[in-house]
Amino acid sequence: MATSKYAAELVENAAKLSAPGKGLLAADESTGTIAKRFQSIGVENSEANRAAYRELLFTTKGIGEHVSGAILFEE
């Protein structure tokens, strides 16, 4: 059965995502929601700025010590 082929991988990934002391980073703001955030600080809502903002979140020093995964907005 095809599902049994991925069962161990699924269990392993679930364990990593639910690691004690860690959480998920919700970076799934839509373009409309992030536009409001950017407008409040005078930043243009461009694809490049949205990518830079997300990169800043994901490359924060030590993030892996506290975050086990991320929820993203498809863009």
C-alpha atoms as a PDB file:
ATOM      1  CA  MET A   1       0.000   0.000   0.000  1.00  0.00           C
ATOM      2  CA  ALA A   2       1.351   3.441  -0.948  1.00  0.00           C
ATOM      3  CA  THR A   3       0.429   5.135   2.343  1.00  0.00           C
ATOM      4  CA  SER A   4       2.537   2.752   4.432  1.00  0.00           C
ATOM      5  CA  LYS A   5       5.535   3.845   2.367  1.00  0.00           C
ATOM      6  CA  TYR A   6       5.268   7.341   3.873  1.00  0.00           C
ATOM      7  CA  ALA A   7       3.990   6.473   7.351  1.00  0.00           C
ATOM      8  CA  ALA A   8       7.406   6.491   9.056  1.00  0.00           C
ATOM      9  CA  GLU A   9       8.358   9.757   7.367  1.00  0.00           C
ATOM     10  CA  LEU A  10       5.087  11.357   8.438  1.00  0.00           C
ATOM     11  CA  VAL A  11       5.562  10.258  12.059  1.00  0.00           C
ATOM     12  CA  GLU A  12       9.142  11.548  12.030  1.00  0.00           C
ATOM     13  CA  ASN A  13       8.095  14.947  10.632  1.00  0.00           C
ATOM     14  CA  ALA A  14       5.226  15.264  13.110  1.00  0.00           C
ATOM     15  CA  ALA A  15       7.625  14.564  15.972  1.00  0.00           C
ATOM     16  CA  LYS A  16      10.018  17.258  14.725  1.00  0.00           C
ATOM     17  CA  LEU A  17       7.219  19.820  14.360  1.00  0.00           C
ATOM     18  CA  SER A  18       5.897  19.149  17.857  1.00  0.00           C
ATOM     19  CA  ALA A  19       9.270  19.147  19.607  1.00  0.00           C
ATOM     20  CA  PRO A  20       9.088  20.168  23.282  1.00  0.00           C
ATOM     21  CA  GLY A  21       9.867  23.834  23.845  1.00  0.00           C
ATOM     22  CA  LYS A  22       9.433  24.761  20.184  1.00  0.00           C
ATOM     23  CA  GLY A  23       6.560  26.142  18.158  1.00  0.00           C
ATOM     24  CA  LEU A  24       5.483  26.968  14.644  1.00  0.00           C
ATOM     25  CA  LEU A  25       6.098  30.381  13.087  1.00  0.00           C
ATOM     26  CA  ALA A  26       2.903  31.577  11.418  1.00  0.00           C
ATOM     27  CA  ALA A  27       4.141  33.647   8.471  1.00  0.00           C
ATOM     28  CA  ASP A  28       1.018  33.097   6.404  1.00  0.00           C
ATOM     29  CA  GLU A  29      -0.155  36.690   6.108  1.00  0.00           C
ATOM     30  CA  SER A  30      -1.972  37.343   2.855  1.00  0.00           C
ATOM     31  CA  THR A  31      -0.781  40.184   0.653  1.00  0.00           C
ATOM     32  CA  GLY A  32      -3.695  42.265   1.953  1.00  0.00           C
ATOM     33  CA  THR A  33      -2.854  41.654   5.598  1.00  0.00           C
ATOM     34  CA  ILE A  34       0.835  42.321   5.176  1.00  0.00           C
ATOM     35  CA  ALA A  35      -0.055  45.502   3.240  1.00  0.00           C
ATOM     36  CA  LYS A  36      -1.680  46.862   6.407  1.00  0.00           C
ATOM     37  CA  ARG A  37       1.396  45.992   8.451  1.00  0.00           C
ATOM     38  CA  PHE A  38       3.706  47.659   5.919  1.00  0.00           C
ATOM     39  CA  GLN A  39       1.481  50.726   5.532  1.00  0.00           C
ATOM     40  CA  SER A  40       1.634  51.352   9.284  1.00  0.00           C
ATOM     41  CA  ILE A  41       5.436  51.648   9.062  1.00  0.00           C
ATOM     42  CA  GLY A  42       5.654  53.349   5.671  1.00  0.00           C
ATOM     43  CA  VAL A  43       6.956  50.371   3.670  1.00  0.00           C
ATOM     44  CA  GLU A  44       5.805  49.728   0.109  1.00  0.00           C
ATOM     45  CA  ASN A  45       3.837  46.490  -0.269  1.00  0.00           C
ATOM     46  CA  SER A  46       5.950  44.954  -3.037  1.00  0.00           C
ATOM     47  CA  GLU A  47       6.871  41.324  -3.656  1.00  0.00           C
ATOM     48  CA  ALA A  48      10.515  42.157  -2.949  1.00  0.00           C
ATOM     49  CA  ASN A  49       9.671  43.756   0.417  1.00  0.00           C
ATOM     50  CA  ARG A  50       7.430  40.843   1.395  1.00  0.00           C
ATOM     51  CA  ALA A  51      10.232  38.406   0.546  1.00  0.00           C
ATOM     52  CA  ALA A  52      12.753  40.474   2.500  1.00  0.00           C
ATOM     53  CA  TYR A  53      10.416  40.579   5.508  1.00  0.00           C
ATOM     54  CA  ARG A  54       9.976  36.811   5.493  1.00  0.00           C
ATOM     55  CA  GLU A  55      13.693  36.254   4.996  1.00  0.00           C
ATOM     56  CA  LEU A  56      14.336  38.445   8.027  1.00  0.00           C
ATOM     57  CA  LEU A  57      12.014  36.253  10.086  1.00  0.00           C
ATOM     58  CA  PHE A  58      13.530  32.973   8.907  1.00  0.00           C
ATOM     59  CA  THR A  59      17.179  34.005   9.207  1.00  0.00           C
ATOM     60  CA  THR A  60      16.965  35.450  12.709  1.00  0.00           C
ATOM     61  CA  LYS A  61      19.939  34.196  14.719  1.00  0.00           C
ATOM     62  CA  GLY A  62      18.974  31.255  16.906  1.00  0.00           C
ATOM     63  CA  ILE A  63      15.500  30.805  15.411  1.00  0.00           C
ATOM     64  CA  GLY A  64      16.023  27.050  15.154  1.00  0.00           C
ATOM     65  CA  GLU A  65      16.300  26.859  18.928  1.00  0.00           C
ATOM     66  CA  HIS A  66      12.700  28.034  19.303  1.00  0.00           C
ATOM     67  CA  VAL A  67      10.890  27.304  16.030  1.00  0.00           C
ATOM     68  CA  SER A  68      10.382  23.847  14.572  1.00  0.00           C
ATOM     69  CA  GLY A  69       8.513  24.838  11.403  1.00  0.00           C
ATOM     70  CA  ALA A  70       6.685  27.591   9.583  1.00  0.00           C
ATOM     71  CA  ILE A  71       3.269  28.140   8.031  1.00  0.00           C
ATOM     72  CA  LEU A  72       3.612  30.101   4.799  1.00  0.00           C
ATOM     73  CA  PHE A  73       1.340  32.034   2.454  1.00  0.00           C
ATOM     74  CA  GLU A  74       1.601  30.813  -1.120  1.00  0.00           C
ATOM     75  CA  GLU A  75       3.098  33.614  -3.147  1.00  0.00           C
END
